[in-house]
Amino acid sequence: ATGSSGARELVKEALERYGLSQLSAGQYALCDVIGRFEGPEKQWQTEGLRVLGDHEKPLLIQDLWKPREGFSRRLELRKRAEVEELAAKDVDTTTAGQSRVWGRERVQGAATSPPELP
């Protein structure tokens, strides 16, 4: 995989690496996930998730766009049905973490408007 590899290509490579058929690549989605490790056992806590388009360049995105301080980014291979189920439940996986941050700042009276995004 290189910086110019598309998401669909990376899905196929991952399936091959785990001994699964590349023919089932359409059943999987590569997701760009922002989160952090929390607690004494350092459990991963997802703050936001975005399904990558087949032709997006995930490795280039990771290299050029860094998450906010204290957060990490990782790529996750998920079944499309699972991601579609989240969307059907109207779970806001993209901005949920940011909304919590803004809400905390409003409660503390630190900001009258949302902070500038990096």
PDB file of N, CA and C in Angstrom:
ATOM      1  N   ALA A   1       0.840  -1.187   0.000  1.00  0.00           N
ATOM      2  CA  ALA A   1       0.000   0.000   0.000  1.00  0.00           C
ATOM      3  C   ALA A   1       0.881   1.244   0.000  1.00  0.00           C
ATOM      4  N   THR A   2       0.437   2.241  -0.745  1.00  0.00           N
ATOM      5  CA  THR A   2       1.172   3.499  -0.827  1.00  0.00           C
ATOM      6  C   THR A   2       0.203   4.658  -0.587  1.00  0.00           C
ATOM      7  N   GLY A   3       0.735   5.861  -0.525  1.00  0.00           N
ATOM      8  CA  GLY A   3      -0.097   7.040  -0.350  1.00  0.00           C
ATOM      9  C   GLY A   3      -1.102   7.228  -1.460  1.00  0.00           C
ATOM     10  N   SER A   4      -0.829   6.657  -2.622  1.00  0.00           N
ATOM     11  CA  SER A   4      -1.755   6.806  -3.749  1.00  0.00           C
ATOM     12  C   SER A   4      -2.776   5.666  -3.833  1.00  0.00           C
ATOM     13  N   SER A   5      -2.731   4.724  -2.883  1.00  0.00           N
ATOM     14  CA  SER A   5      -3.690   3.615  -2.874  1.00  0.00           C
ATOM     15  C   SER A   5      -5.070   4.112  -2.472  1.00  0.00           C
ATOM     16  N   GLY A   6      -6.082   3.671  -3.206  1.00  0.00           N
ATOM     17  CA  GLY A   6      -7.457   4.036  -2.892  1.00  0.00           C
ATOM     18  C   GLY A   6      -8.024   3.142  -1.798  1.00  0.00           C
ATOM     19  N   ALA A   7      -9.117   3.575  -1.194  1.00  0.00           N
ATOM     20  CA  ALA A   7      -9.740   2.830  -0.101  1.00  0.00           C
ATOM     21  C   ALA A   7     -10.152   1.424  -0.546  1.00  0.00           C
ATOM     22  N   ARG A   8     -10.732   1.306  -1.738  1.00  0.00           N
ATOM     23  CA  ARG A   8     -11.164  -0.017  -2.220  1.00  0.00           C
ATOM     24  C   ARG A   8      -9.966  -0.963  -2.341  1.00  0.00           C
ATOM     25  N   GLU A   9      -8.855  -0.443  -2.843  1.00  0.00           N
ATOM     26  CA  GLU A   9      -7.630  -1.241  -2.978  1.00  0.00           C
ATOM     27  C   GLU A   9      -7.141  -1.714  -1.601  1.00  0.00           C
ATOM     28  N   LEU A  10      -7.199  -0.844  -0.601  1.00  0.00           N
ATOM     29  CA  LEU A  10      -6.759  -1.216   0.745  1.00  0.00           C
ATOM     30  C   LEU A  10      -7.684  -2.255   1.369  1.00  0.00           C
ATOM     31  N   VAL A  11      -8.983  -2.161   1.080  1.00  0.00           N
ATOM     32  CA  VAL A  11      -9.931  -3.168   1.567  1.00  0.00           C
ATOM     33  C   VAL A  11      -9.557  -4.529   0.994  1.00  0.00           C
ATOM     34  N   LYS A  12      -9.294  -4.581  -0.305  1.00  0.00           N
ATOM     35  CA  LYS A  12      -8.926  -5.851  -0.949  1.00  0.00           C
ATOM     36  C   LYS A  12      -7.637  -6.414  -0.364  1.00  0.00           C
ATOM     37  N   GLU A  13      -6.645  -5.550  -0.119  1.00  0.00           N
ATOM     38  CA  GLU A  13      -5.378  -6.003   0.470  1.00  0.00           C
ATOM     39  C   GLU A  13      -5.597  -6.566   1.870  1.00  0.00           C
ATOM     40  N   ALA A  14      -6.437  -5.899   2.660  1.00  0.00           N
ATOM     41  CA  ALA A  14      -6.708  -6.369   4.022  1.00  0.00           C
ATOM     42  C   ALA A  14      -7.418  -7.720   3.994  1.00  0.00           C
ATOM     43  N   LEU A  15      -8.393  -7.870   3.116  1.00  0.00           N
ATOM     44  CA  LEU A  15      -9.106  -9.141   3.014  1.00  0.00           C
ATOM     45  C   LEU A  15      -8.159 -10.261   2.617  1.00  0.00           C
ATOM     46  N   GLU A  16      -7.271  -9.977   1.675  1.00  0.00           N
ATOM     47  CA  GLU A  16      -6.290 -10.973   1.250  1.00  0.00           C
ATOM     48  C   GLU A  16      -5.375 -11.349   2.415  1.00  0.00           C
ATOM     49  N   ARG A  17      -4.930 -10.357   3.164  1.00  0.00           N
ATOM     50  CA  ARG A  17      -4.024 -10.601   4.291  1.00  0.00           C
ATOM     51  C   ARG A  17      -4.674 -11.504   5.339  1.00  0.00           C
ATOM     52  N   TYR A  18      -5.988 -11.353   5.539  1.00  0.00           N
ATOM     53  CA  TYR A  18      -6.689 -12.159   6.534  1.00  0.00           C
ATOM     54  C   TYR A  18      -7.300 -13.429   5.946  1.00  0.00           C
ATOM     55  N   GLY A  19      -6.945 -13.739   4.707  1.00  0.00           N
ATOM     56  CA  GLY A  19      -7.379 -14.980   4.092  1.00  0.00           C
ATOM     57  C   GLY A  19      -8.840 -14.989   3.667  1.00  0.00           C
ATOM     58  N   LEU A  20      -9.411 -13.823   3.451  1.00  0.00           N
ATOM     59  CA  LEU A  20     -10.798 -13.733   3.003  1.00  0.00           C
ATOM     60  C   LEU A  20     -10.831 -13.425   1.514  1.00  0.00           C
ATOM     61  N   SER A  21     -11.922 -13.777   0.878  1.00  0.00           N
ATOM     62  CA  SER A  21     -12.048 -13.569  -0.557  1.00  0.00           C
ATOM     63  C   SER A  21     -12.153 -12.088  -0.898  1.00  0.00           C
ATOM     64  N   GLN A  22     -11.376 -11.673  -1.892  1.00  0.00           N
ATOM     65  CA  GLN A  22     -11.448 -10.293  -2.359  1.00  0.00           C
ATOM     66  C   GLN A  22     -12.776 -10.024  -3.064  1.00  0.00           C
ATOM     67  N   LEU A  23     -13.472 -11.089  -3.434  1.00  0.00           N
ATOM     68  CA  LEU A  23     -14.770 -10.929  -4.089  1.00  0.00           C
ATOM     69  C   LEU A  23     -15.799 -10.320  -3.140  1.00  0.00           C
ATOM     70  N   SER A  24     -15.546 -10.445  -1.835  1.00  0.00           N
ATOM     71  CA  SER A  24     -16.487  -9.883  -0.857  1.00  0.00           C
ATOM     72  C   SER A  24     -16.121  -8.451  -0.466  1.00  0.00           C
ATOM     73  N   ALA A  25     -15.205  -7.825  -1.205  1.00  0.00           N
ATOM     74  CA  ALA A  25     -14.753  -6.467  -0.876  1.00  0.00           C
ATOM     75  C   ALA A  25     -15.911  -5.472  -0.809  1.00  0.00           C
ATOM     76  N   GLY A  26     -16.935  -5.665  -1.610  1.00  0.00           N
ATOM     77  CA  GLY A  26     -18.078  -4.760  -1.607  1.00  0.00           C
ATOM     78  C   GLY A  26     -18.884  -4.807  -0.316  1.00  0.00           C
ATOM     79  N   GLN A  27     -18.685  -5.864   0.476  1.00  0.00           N
ATOM     80  CA  GLN A  27     -19.407  -5.999   1.741  1.00  0.00           C
ATOM     81  C   GLN A  27     -18.726  -5.234   2.873  1.00  0.00           C
ATOM     82  N   TYR A  28     -17.541  -4.686   2.596  1.00  0.00           N
ATOM     83  CA  TYR A  28     -16.764  -3.998   3.623  1.00  0.00           C
ATOM     84  C   TYR A  28     -16.525  -2.543   3.241  1.00  0.00           C
ATOM     85  N   ALA A  29     -16.369  -1.723   4.263  1.00  0.00           N
ATOM     86  CA  ALA A  29     -16.060  -0.307   4.065  1.00  0.00           C
ATOM     87  C   ALA A  29     -14.842   0.038   4.910  1.00  0.00           C
ATOM     88  N   LEU A  30     -13.985   0.857   4.354  1.00  0.00           N
ATOM     89  CA  LEU A  30     -12.848   1.359   5.112  1.00  0.00           C
ATOM     90  C   LEU A  30     -13.301   2.655   5.774  1.00  0.00           C
ATOM     91  N   CYS A  31     -13.104   2.738   7.082  1.00  0.00           N
ATOM     92  CA  CYS A  31     -13.576   3.895   7.846  1.00  0.00           C
ATOM     93  C   CYS A  31     -12.409   4.654   8.453  1.00  0.00           C
ATOM     94  N   ASP A  32     -12.503   5.957   8.396  1.00  0.00           N
ATOM     95  CA  ASP A  32     -11.557   6.868   9.026  1.00  0.00           C
ATOM     96  C   ASP A  32     -12.137   7.156  10.408  1.00  0.00           C
ATOM     97  N   VAL A  33     -11.441   6.720  11.453  1.00  0.00           N
ATOM     98  CA  VAL A  33     -11.980   6.797  12.805  1.00  0.00           C
ATOM     99  C   VAL A  33     -11.089   7.678  13.675  1.00  0.00           C
ATOM    100  N   ILE A  34     -11.715   8.604  14.393  1.00  0.00           N
ATOM    101  CA  ILE A  34     -11.020   9.465  15.345  1.00  0.00           C
ATOM    102  C   ILE A  34     -11.459   9.034  16.738  1.00  0.00           C
ATOM    103  N   GLY A  35     -10.503   8.927  17.642  1.00  0.00           N
ATOM    104  CA  GLY A  35     -10.833   8.542  19.008  1.00  0.00           C
ATOM    105  C   GLY A  35      -9.634   8.710  19.910  1.00  0.00           C
ATOM    106  N   ARG A  36      -9.735   8.092  21.071  1.00  0.00           N
ATOM    107  CA  ARG A  36      -8.614   8.133  22.009  1.00  0.00           C
ATOM    108  C   ARG A  36      -8.702   6.932  22.934  1.00  0.00           C
ATOM    109  N   PHE A  37      -7.566   6.626  23.543  1.00  0.00           N
ATOM    110  CA  PHE A  37      -7.506   5.539  24.506  1.00  0.00           C
ATOM    111  C   PHE A  37      -7.811   6.122  25.878  1.00  0.00           C
ATOM    112  N   GLU A  38      -8.777   5.519  26.580  1.00  0.00           N
ATOM    113  CA  GLU A  38      -9.213   6.058  27.862  1.00  0.00           C
ATOM    114  C   GLU A  38      -9.174   4.997  28.945  1.00  0.00           C
ATOM    115  N   GLY A  39      -9.075   5.462  30.180  1.00  0.00           N
ATOM    116  CA  GLY A  39      -9.132   4.592  31.342  1.00  0.00           C
ATOM    117  C   GLY A  39      -7.827   3.880  31.605  1.00  0.00           C
ATOM    118  N   PRO A  40      -7.775   3.193  32.737  1.00  0.00           N
ATOM    119  CA  PRO A  40      -6.540   2.495  33.131  1.00  0.00           C
ATOM    120  C   PRO A  40      -6.168   1.362  32.174  1.00  0.00           C
ATOM    121  N   GLU A  41      -7.172   0.805  31.500  1.00  0.00           N
ATOM    122  CA  GLU A  41      -6.897  -0.291  30.566  1.00  0.00           C
ATOM    123  C   GLU A  41      -6.718   0.200  29.141  1.00  0.00           C
ATOM    124  N   LYS A  42      -6.748   1.523  28.963  1.00  0.00           N
ATOM    125  CA  LYS A  42      -6.536   2.149  27.651  1.00  0.00           C
ATOM    126  C   LYS A  42      -7.469   1.569  26.591  1.00  0.00           C
ATOM    127  N   GLN A  43      -8.757   1.585  26.884  1.00  0.00           N
ATOM    128  CA  GLN A  43      -9.766   1.119  25.930  1.00  0.00           C
ATOM    129  C   GLN A  43      -9.988   2.198  24.877  1.00  0.00           C
ATOM    130  N   TRP A  44     -10.078   1.793  23.615  1.00  0.00           N
ATOM    131  CA  TRP A  44     -10.321   2.739  22.521  1.00  0.00           C
ATOM    132  C   TRP A  44     -11.747   3.266  22.619  1.00  0.00           C
ATOM    133  N   GLN A  45     -11.896   4.581  22.566  1.00  0.00           N
ATOM    134  CA  GLN A  45     -13.197   5.238  22.582  1.00  0.00           C
ATOM    135  C   GLN A  45     -13.347   6.019  21.282  1.00  0.00           C
ATOM    136  N   THR A  46     -14.238   5.568  20.412  1.00  0.00           N
ATOM    137  CA  THR A  46     -14.463   6.245  19.138  1.00  0.00           C
ATOM    138  C   THR A  46     -15.212   7.550  19.372  1.00  0.00           C
ATOM    139  N   GLU A  47     -14.705   8.624  18.784  1.00  0.00           N
ATOM    140  CA  GLU A  47     -15.357   9.933  18.867  1.00  0.00           C
ATOM    141  C   GLU A  47     -16.041  10.293  17.551  1.00  0.00           C
ATOM    142  N   GLY A  48     -15.521   9.807  16.447  1.00  0.00           N
ATOM    143  CA  GLY A  48     -16.109  10.097  15.150  1.00  0.00           C
ATOM    144  C   GLY A  48     -15.682   9.057  14.137  1.00  0.00           C
ATOM    145  N   LEU A  49     -16.569   8.765  13.200  1.00  0.00           N
ATOM    146  CA  LEU A  49     -16.300   7.749  12.186  1.00  0.00           C
ATOM    147  C   LEU A  49     -16.842   8.254  10.858  1.00  0.00           C
ATOM    148  N   ARG A  50     -16.057   8.056   9.811  1.00  0.00           N
ATOM    149  CA  ARG A  50     -16.493   8.454   8.472  1.00  0.00           C
ATOM    150  C   ARG A  50     -16.127   7.350   7.499  1.00  0.00           C
ATOM    151  N   VAL A  51     -17.105   6.912   6.718  1.00  0.00           N
ATOM    152  CA  VAL A  51     -16.839   5.912   5.684  1.00  0.00           C
ATOM    153  C   VAL A  51     -16.100   6.600   4.550  1.00  0.00           C
ATOM    154  N   LEU A  52     -14.992   6.011   4.140  1.00  0.00           N
ATOM    155  CA  LEU A  52     -14.200   6.571   3.047  1.00  0.00           C
ATOM    156  C   LEU A  52     -14.761   6.118   1.706  1.00  0.00           C
ATOM    157  N   GLY A  53     -14.770   7.012   0.748  1.00  0.00           N
ATOM    158  CA  GLY A  53     -15.167   6.663  -0.610  1.00  0.00           C
ATOM    159  C   GLY A  53     -14.133   5.734  -1.227  1.00  0.00           C
ATOM    160  N   ASP A  54     -14.560   4.908  -2.158  1.00  0.00           N
ATOM    161  CA  ASP A  54     -13.673   3.915  -2.772  1.00  0.00           C
ATOM    162  C   ASP A  54     -12.401   4.511  -3.350  1.00  0.00           C
ATOM    163  N   HIS A  55     -12.470   5.734  -3.846  1.00  0.00           N
ATOM    164  CA  HIS A  55     -11.312   6.322  -4.520  1.00  0.00           C
ATOM    165  C   HIS A  55     -10.553   7.323  -3.659  1.00  0.00           C
ATOM    166  N   GLU A  56     -10.979   7.504  -2.398  1.00  0.00           N
ATOM    167  CA  GLU A  56     -10.218   8.381  -1.503  1.00  0.00           C
ATOM    168  C   GLU A  56      -8.886   7.717  -1.171  1.00  0.00           C
ATOM    169  N   LYS A  57      -7.927   8.518  -0.805  1.00  0.00           N
ATOM    170  CA  LYS A  57      -6.569   8.047  -0.501  1.00  0.00           C
ATOM    171  C   LYS A  57      -6.351   8.090   1.015  1.00  0.00           C
ATOM    172  N   PRO A  58      -6.718   7.021   1.735  1.00  0.00           N
ATOM    173  CA  PRO A  58      -6.673   7.028   3.199  1.00  0.00           C
ATOM    174  C   PRO A  58      -5.295   7.310   3.795  1.00  0.00           C
ATOM    175  N   LEU A  59      -4.260   6.759   3.209  1.00  0.00           N
ATOM    176  CA  LEU A  59      -2.927   6.959   3.774  1.00  0.00           C
ATOM    177  C   LEU A  59      -2.469   8.396   3.590  1.00  0.00           C
ATOM    178  N   LEU A  60      -2.857   9.007   2.495  1.00  0.00           N
ATOM    179  CA  LEU A  60      -2.539  10.413   2.259  1.00  0.00           C
ATOM    180  C   LEU A  60      -3.325  11.298   3.235  1.00  0.00           C
ATOM    181  N   ILE A  61      -4.585  10.961   3.453  1.00  0.00           N
ATOM    182  CA  ILE A  61      -5.412  11.704   4.411  1.00  0.00           C
ATOM    183  C   ILE A  61      -4.780  11.642   5.797  1.00  0.00           C
ATOM    184  N   GLN A  62      -4.359  10.446   6.211  1.00  0.00           N
ATOM    185  CA  GLN A  62      -3.733  10.294   7.526  1.00  0.00           C
ATOM    186  C   GLN A  62      -2.469  11.132   7.639  1.00  0.00           C
ATOM    187  N   ASP A  63      -1.718  11.188   6.566  1.00  0.00           N
ATOM    188  CA  ASP A  63      -0.457  11.923   6.583  1.00  0.00           C
ATOM    189  C   ASP A  63      -0.675  13.434   6.639  1.00  0.00           C
ATOM    190  N   LEU A  64      -1.690  13.925   5.940  1.00  0.00           N
ATOM    191  CA  LEU A  64      -1.888  15.368   5.815  1.00  0.00           C
ATOM    192  C   LEU A  64      -2.829  15.976   6.853  1.00  0.00           C
ATOM    193  N   TRP A  65      -3.720  15.187   7.416  1.00  0.00           N
ATOM    194  CA  TRP A  65      -4.714  15.737   8.324  1.00  0.00           C
ATOM    195  C   TRP A  65      -4.600  15.045   9.670  1.00  0.00           C
ATOM    196  N   LYS A  66      -4.070  15.746  10.640  1.00  0.00           N
ATOM    197  CA  LYS A  66      -3.856  15.187  11.972  1.00  0.00           C
ATOM    198  C   LYS A  66      -5.035  15.548  12.877  1.00  0.00           C
ATOM    199  N   PRO A  67      -5.432  14.627  13.760  1.00  0.00           N
ATOM    200  CA  PRO A  67      -6.522  14.932  14.690  1.00  0.00           C
ATOM    201  C   PRO A  67      -6.072  15.928  15.767  1.00  0.00           C
ATOM    202  N   ARG A  68      -7.031  16.465  16.478  1.00  0.00           N
ATOM    203  CA  ARG A  68      -6.736  17.401  17.563  1.00  0.00           C
ATOM    204  C   ARG A  68      -5.866  16.729  18.613  1.00  0.00           C
ATOM    205  N   GLU A  69      -5.184  17.549  19.393  1.00  0.00           N
ATOM    206  CA  GLU A  69      -4.310  17.043  20.450  1.00  0.00           C
ATOM    207  C   GLU A  69      -5.112  16.160  21.407  1.00  0.00           C
ATOM    208  N   GLY A  70      -4.521  15.030  21.769  1.00  0.00           N
ATOM    209  CA  GLY A  70      -5.179  14.090  22.663  1.00  0.00           C
ATOM    210  C   GLY A  70      -5.988  13.022  21.946  1.00  0.00           C
ATOM    211  N   PHE A  71      -6.162  13.177  20.636  1.00  0.00           N
ATOM    212  CA  PHE A  71      -6.919  12.210  19.847  1.00  0.00           C
ATOM    213  C   PHE A  71      -5.990  11.493  18.879  1.00  0.00           C
ATOM    214  N   SER A  72      -6.436  10.346  18.416  1.00  0.00           N
ATOM    215  CA  SER A  72      -5.692   9.567  17.428  1.00  0.00           C
ATOM    216  C   SER A  72      -6.615   9.239  16.274  1.00  0.00           C
ATOM    217  N   ARG A  73      -6.013   8.895  15.167  1.00  0.00           N
ATOM    218  CA  ARG A  73      -6.766   8.498  13.984  1.00  0.00           C
ATOM    219  C   ARG A  73      -6.330   7.075  13.632  1.00  0.00           C
ATOM    220  N   ARG A  74      -7.284   6.279  13.211  1.00  0.00           N
ATOM    221  CA  ARG A  74      -6.954   4.951  12.706  1.00  0.00           C
ATOM    222  C   ARG A  74      -7.955   4.568  11.636  1.00  0.00           C
ATOM    223  N   LEU A  75      -7.549   3.614  10.829  1.00  0.00           N
ATOM    224  CA  LEU A  75      -8.428   3.075   9.796  1.00  0.00           C
ATOM    225  C   LEU A  75      -9.023   1.782  10.327  1.00  0.00           C
ATOM    226  N   GLU A  76     -10.316   1.616  10.136  1.00  0.00           N
ATOM    227  CA  GLU A  76     -10.990   0.392  10.556  1.00  0.00           C
ATOM    228  C   GLU A  76     -11.737  -0.191   9.370  1.00  0.00           C
ATOM    229  N   LEU A  77     -11.672  -1.499   9.248  1.00  0.00           N
ATOM    230  CA  LEU A  77     -12.422  -2.220   8.232  1.00  0.00           C
ATOM    231  C   LEU A  77     -13.711  -2.688   8.896  1.00  0.00           C
ATOM    232  N   ARG A  78     -14.835  -2.233   8.385  1.00  0.00           N
ATOM    233  CA  ARG A  78     -16.126  -2.591   8.972  1.00  0.00           C
ATOM    234  C   ARG A  78     -17.049  -3.119   7.885  1.00  0.00           C
ATOM    235  N   LYS A  79     -17.979  -3.962   8.300  1.00  0.00           N
ATOM    236  CA  LYS A  79     -18.975  -4.445   7.346  1.00  0.00           C
ATOM    237  C   LYS A  79     -19.887  -3.281   6.986  1.00  0.00           C
ATOM    238  N   ARG A  80     -20.179  -3.164   5.694  1.00  0.00           N
ATOM    239  CA  ARG A  80     -21.048  -2.072   5.236  1.00  0.00           C
ATOM    240  C   ARG A  80     -22.408  -2.114   5.936  1.00  0.00           C
ATOM    241  N   ALA A  81     -22.920  -3.313   6.168  1.00  0.00           N
ATOM    242  CA  ALA A  81     -24.224  -3.445   6.826  1.00  0.00           C
ATOM    243  C   ALA A  81     -24.188  -2.800   8.213  1.00  0.00           C
ATOM    244  N   GLU A  82     -23.081  -2.961   8.929  1.00  0.00           N
ATOM    245  CA  GLU A  82     -22.938  -2.369  10.265  1.00  0.00           C
ATOM    246  C   GLU A  82     -22.947  -0.842  10.184  1.00  0.00           C
ATOM    247  N   VAL A  83     -22.206  -0.301   9.219  1.00  0.00           N
ATOM    248  CA  VAL A  83     -22.127   1.150   9.054  1.00  0.00           C
ATOM    249  C   VAL A  83     -23.483   1.705   8.616  1.00  0.00           C
ATOM    250  N   GLU A  84     -24.165   0.991   7.725  1.00  0.00           N
ATOM    251  CA  GLU A  84     -25.485   1.433   7.274  1.00  0.00           C
ATOM    252  C   GLU A  84     -26.496   1.387   8.418  1.00  0.00           C
ATOM    253  N   GLU A  85     -26.343   0.400   9.309  1.00  0.00           N
ATOM    254  CA  GLU A  85     -27.227   0.301  10.474  1.00  0.00           C
ATOM    255  C   GLU A  85     -27.026   1.508  11.392  1.00  0.00           C
ATOM    256  N   LEU A  86     -25.785   1.920  11.602  1.00  0.00           N
ATOM    257  CA  LEU A  86     -25.511   3.119  12.400  1.00  0.00           C
ATOM    258  C   LEU A  86     -26.181   4.337  11.772  1.00  0.00           C
ATOM    259  N   ALA A  87     -26.062   4.447  10.450  1.00  0.00           N
ATOM    260  CA  ALA A  87     -26.656   5.586   9.744  1.00  0.00           C
ATOM    261  C   ALA A  87     -28.182   5.549   9.845  1.00  0.00           C
ATOM    262  N   ALA A  88     -28.764   4.356   9.764  1.00  0.00           N
ATOM    263  CA  ALA A  88     -30.216   4.223   9.845  1.00  0.00           C
ATOM    264  C   ALA A  88     -30.734   4.625  11.222  1.00  0.00           C
ATOM    265  N   LYS A  89     -29.929   4.398  12.246  1.00  0.00           N
ATOM    266  CA  LYS A  89     -30.312   4.797  13.604  1.00  0.00           C
ATOM    267  C   LYS A  89     -30.064   6.282  13.814  1.00  0.00           C
ATOM    268  N   ASP A  90     -29.552   6.936  12.771  1.00  0.00           N
ATOM    269  CA  ASP A  90     -29.250   8.364  12.812  1.00  0.00           C
ATOM    270  C   ASP A  90     -28.223   8.685  13.887  1.00  0.00           C
ATOM    271  N   VAL A  91     -27.243   7.811  14.023  1.00  0.00           N
ATOM    272  CA  VAL A  91     -26.160   8.049  14.965  1.00  0.00           C
ATOM    273  C   VAL A  91     -25.169   8.978  14.298  1.00  0.00           C
ATOM    274  N   ASP A  92     -24.921  10.120  14.904  1.00  0.00           N
ATOM    275  CA  ASP A  92     -23.986  11.101  14.358  1.00  0.00           C
ATOM    276  C   ASP A  92     -22.580  10.704  14.764  1.00  0.00           C
ATOM    277  N   THR A  93     -21.918   9.943  13.903  1.00  0.00           N
ATOM    278  CA  THR A  93     -20.576   9.471  14.226  1.00  0.00           C
ATOM    279  C   THR A  93     -19.501  10.444  13.789  1.00  0.00           C
ATOM    280  N   THR A  94     -19.871  11.450  13.022  1.00  0.00           N
ATOM    281  CA  THR A  94     -18.872  12.386  12.520  1.00  0.00           C
ATOM    282  C   THR A  94     -18.659  13.556  13.461  1.00  0.00           C
ATOM    283  N   THR A  95     -19.734  14.094  14.015  1.00  0.00           N
ATOM    284  CA  THR A  95     -19.592  15.306  14.827  1.00  0.00           C
ATOM    285  C   THR A  95     -19.944  15.107  16.294  1.00  0.00           C
ATOM    286  N   ALA A  96     -20.279  13.899  16.695  1.00  0.00           N
ATOM    287  CA  ALA A  96     -20.697  13.672  18.076  1.00  0.00           C
ATOM    288  C   ALA A  96     -19.636  14.103  19.076  1.00  0.00           C
ATOM    289  N   GLY A  97     -18.404  13.744  18.842  1.00  0.00           N
ATOM    290  CA  GLY A  97     -17.331  14.117  19.761  1.00  0.00           C
ATOM    291  C   GLY A  97     -17.148  15.613  19.834  1.00  0.00           C
ATOM    292  N   GLN A  98     -17.209  16.289  18.693  1.00  0.00           N
ATOM    293  CA  GLN A  98     -17.038  17.738  18.684  1.00  0.00           C
ATOM    294  C   GLN A  98     -18.193  18.416  19.405  1.00  0.00           C
ATOM    295  N   SER A  99     -19.396  17.894  19.264  1.00  0.00           N
ATOM    296  CA  SER A  99     -20.548  18.482  19.940  1.00  0.00           C
ATOM    297  C   SER A  99     -20.381  18.406  21.447  1.00  0.00           C
ATOM    298  N   ARG A 100     -19.847  17.289  21.940  1.00  0.00           N
ATOM    299  CA  ARG A 100     -19.617  17.168  23.376  1.00  0.00           C
ATOM    300  C   ARG A 100     -18.606  18.204  23.844  1.00  0.00           C
ATOM    301  N   VAL A 101     -17.563  18.433  23.043  1.00  0.00           N
ATOM    302  CA  VAL A 101     -16.550  19.426  23.401  1.00  0.00           C
ATOM    303  C   VAL A 101     -17.183  20.806  23.447  1.00  0.00           C
ATOM    304  N   TRP A 102     -17.960  21.171  22.426  1.00  0.00           N
ATOM    305  CA  TRP A 102     -18.594  22.488  22.385  1.00  0.00           C
ATOM    306  C   TRP A 102     -19.564  22.641  23.547  1.00  0.00           C
ATOM    307  N   GLY A 103     -20.322  21.600  23.842  1.00  0.00           N
ATOM    308  CA  GLY A 103     -21.274  21.658  24.943  1.00  0.00           C
ATOM    309  C   GLY A 103     -20.582  21.892  26.269  1.00  0.00           C
ATOM    310  N   ARG A 104     -19.459  21.237  26.491  1.00  0.00           N
ATOM    311  CA  ARG A 104     -18.686  21.417  27.715  1.00  0.00           C
ATOM    312  C   ARG A 104     -18.219  22.859  27.839  1.00  0.00           C
ATOM    313  N   GLU A 105     -17.756  23.430  26.723  1.00  0.00           N
ATOM    314  CA  GLU A 105     -17.265  24.800  26.750  1.00  0.00           C
ATOM    315  C   GLU A 105     -18.401  25.773  27.031  1.00  0.00           C
ATOM    316  N   ARG A 106     -19.583  25.512  26.492  1.00  0.00           N
ATOM    317  CA  ARG A 106     -20.721  26.400  26.741  1.00  0.00           C
ATOM    318  C   ARG A 106     -21.128  26.342  28.211  1.00  0.00           C
ATOM    319  N   VAL A 107     -21.140  25.133  28.777  1.00  0.00           N
ATOM    320  CA  VAL A 107     -21.508  24.976  30.178  1.00  0.00           C
ATOM    321  C   VAL A 107     -20.526  25.728  31.064  1.00  0.00           C
ATOM    322  N   GLN A 108     -19.252  25.678  30.709  1.00  0.00           N
ATOM    323  CA  GLN A 108     -18.232  26.358  31.495  1.00  0.00           C
ATOM    324  C   GLN A 108     -18.237  27.857  31.232  1.00  0.00           C
ATOM    325  N   GLY A 109     -18.995  28.309  30.244  1.00  0.00           N
ATOM    326  CA  GLY A 109     -19.047  29.723  29.907  1.00  0.00           C
ATOM    327  C   GLY A 109     -17.793  30.213  29.213  1.00  0.00           C
ATOM    328  N   ALA A 110     -17.003  29.305  28.696  1.00  0.00           N
ATOM    329  CA  ALA A 110     -15.729  29.679  28.079  1.00  0.00           C
ATOM    330  C   ALA A 110     -15.891  30.202  26.665  1.00  0.00           C
ATOM    331  N   ALA A 111     -17.001  29.884  26.019  1.00  0.00           N
ATOM    332  CA  ALA A 111     -17.142  30.304  24.624  1.00  0.00           C
ATOM    333  C   ALA A 111     -18.593  30.680  24.351  1.00  0.00           C
ATOM    334  N   THR A 112     -18.784  31.719  23.585  1.00  0.00           N
ATOM    335  CA  THR A 112     -20.137  32.097  23.192  1.00  0.00           C
ATOM    336  C   THR A 112     -20.460  31.586  21.808  1.00  0.00           C
ATOM    337  N   SER A 113     -19.434  31.174  21.084  1.00  0.00           N
ATOM    338  CA  SER A 113     -19.622  30.583  19.765  1.00  0.00           C
ATOM    339  C   SER A 113     -18.683  29.397  19.647  1.00  0.00           C
ATOM    340  N   PRO A 114     -18.955  28.473  18.726  1.00  0.00           N
ATOM    341  CA  PRO A 114     -18.099  27.299  18.580  1.00  0.00           C
ATOM    342  C   PRO A 114     -16.653  27.709  18.299  1.00  0.00           C
ATOM    343  N   PRO A 115     -15.703  26.932  18.832  1.00  0.00           N
ATOM    344  CA  PRO A 115     -14.297  27.242  18.583  1.00  0.00           C
ATOM    345  C   PRO A 115     -13.946  27.016  17.123  1.00  0.00           C
ATOM    346  N   GLU A 116     -12.897  27.662  16.676  1.00  0.00           N
ATOM    347  CA  GLU A 116     -12.431  27.462  15.303  1.00  0.00           C
ATOM    348  C   GLU A 116     -11.921  26.046  15.156  1.00  0.00           C
ATOM    349  N   LEU A 117     -12.238  25.434  14.042  1.00  0.00           N
ATOM    350  CA  LEU A 117     -11.758  24.087  13.756  1.00  0.00           C
ATOM    351  C   LEU A 117     -10.376  24.177  13.158  1.00  0.00           C
ATOM    352  N   PRO A 118      -9.523  23.194  13.478  1.00  0.00           N
ATOM    353  CA  PRO A 118      -8.150  23.228  12.938  1.00  0.00           C
ATOM    354  C   PRO A 118      -8.115  23.058  11.447  1.00  0.00           C
TER     355      PRO A 118
END
